[in-house]
Amino acid sequence: MRHVYQTKNTCSRSIEFDLNDGIVTNVKFNGGCMGNTKGVAALVEGMSAEEIIRRCKNIPCGFRGTSCPDQLALALEKALRTS
């Protein structure tokens, strides 16, 4: 199932991803630092949502208190709750 999450306090505006049977694929960050967001998307491809959350939650970016990886973790938590 395709999900779109509107990010908060990051350079990226939103995150799109597919979540099927707990596995994350086709992650796309809209906006943000292209190299970093494409790198994160490539690294999490095919991983379980739970593992991504474990690895990425609470990673800060400067003074923002969040980051693109942290926002992905929050998006996945929300998607798991609503699935």
Protein backbone atom coordinates (compact mmCIF):
# COMPACT_ATOMS: atom_id res chain seq x y z
CA MET A 1 0.00 0.00 0.00
CA ARG A 2 1.34 3.44 -0.94
CA HIS A 3 1.69 6.01 1.85
CA VAL A 4 2.46 9.73 1.75
CA TYR A 5 3.63 11.51 4.90
CA GLN A 6 3.93 15.29 5.24
CA THR A 7 7.18 15.96 7.10
CA LYS A 8 7.68 18.56 9.81
CA ASN A 9 10.81 20.65 10.54
CA THR A 10 12.94 19.13 7.76
CA CYS A 11 14.13 20.26 4.35
CA SER A 12 12.10 17.50 2.72
CA ARG A 13 8.41 18.30 2.28
CA SER A 14 7.05 14.77 2.26
CA ILE A 15 7.97 11.10 2.09
CA GLU A 16 6.29 8.50 -0.11
CA PHE A 17 6.74 4.76 0.38
CA ASP A 18 5.08 1.38 -0.09
CA LEU A 19 4.44 -0.80 2.95
CA ASN A 20 3.38 -4.38 2.29
CA ASP A 21 3.45 -7.10 4.95
CA GLY A 22 5.73 -4.92 7.09
CA ILE A 23 8.34 -4.48 4.32
CA VAL A 24 9.22 -1.01 3.00
CA THR A 25 9.92 -0.37 -0.69
CA ASN A 26 9.95 2.50 -3.17
CA VAL A 27 10.88 5.24 -0.67
CA LYS A 28 10.97 8.73 -2.15
CA PHE A 29 11.74 11.93 -0.26
CA ASN A 30 10.30 15.05 -1.88
CA GLY A 31 12.78 17.87 -1.35
CA GLY A 32 15.68 17.81 1.05
CA CYS A 33 19.35 17.05 0.50
CA MET A 34 19.24 14.85 -2.58
CA GLY A 35 22.32 12.77 -1.84
CA ASN A 36 21.29 12.06 1.74
CA THR A 37 17.64 11.33 1.02
CA LYS A 38 18.44 9.09 -1.96
CA GLY A 39 21.02 7.32 0.19
CA VAL A 40 18.56 6.71 3.01
CA ALA A 41 15.93 5.51 0.52
CA ALA A 42 18.39 3.05 -1.04
CA LEU A 43 19.61 1.75 2.32
CA VAL A 44 16.12 1.00 3.67
CA GLU A 45 14.81 -0.65 0.48
CA GLY A 46 13.39 -4.07 1.37
CA MET A 47 13.87 -3.68 5.13
CA SER A 48 11.18 -4.25 7.70
CA ALA A 49 9.43 -1.15 8.95
CA GLU A 50 10.25 -2.12 12.54
CA GLU A 51 14.00 -2.31 11.79
CA ILE A 52 13.96 1.07 10.04
CA ILE A 53 12.13 2.61 13.00
CA ARG A 54 14.66 1.07 15.41
CA ARG A 55 17.61 2.44 13.46
CA CYS A 56 16.28 5.87 12.43
CA LYS A 57 14.02 7.13 15.21
CA ASN A 58 15.32 10.15 17.16
CA ILE A 59 18.22 10.96 14.81
CA PRO A 60 18.53 14.76 14.96
CA CYS A 61 19.64 17.18 12.25
CA GLY A 62 21.25 20.23 13.78
CA PHE A 63 18.91 22.29 15.94
CA ARG A 64 15.70 20.93 14.36
CA GLY A 65 15.12 18.12 16.85
CA THR A 66 14.28 15.78 13.96
CA SER A 67 15.72 14.72 10.61
CA CYS A 68 14.66 13.05 7.38
CA PRO A 69 15.47 9.58 8.80
CA ASP A 70 13.56 10.42 12.00
CA GLN A 71 10.59 11.62 9.93
CA LEU A 72 10.69 8.36 7.98
CA ALA A 73 10.53 6.45 11.28
CA LEU A 74 7.54 8.55 12.36
CA ALA A 75 5.85 7.99 8.99
CA LEU A 76 6.33 4.24 9.31
CA GLU A 77 4.96 4.21 12.85
CA LYS A 78 1.86 6.01 11.61
CA ALA A 79 1.48 3.67 8.63
CA LEU A 80 1.77 0.60 10.88
CA ARG A 81 -0.91 1.97 13.21
CA THR A 82 -3.34 2.59 10.36
CA SER A 83 -2.69 -0.65 8.47
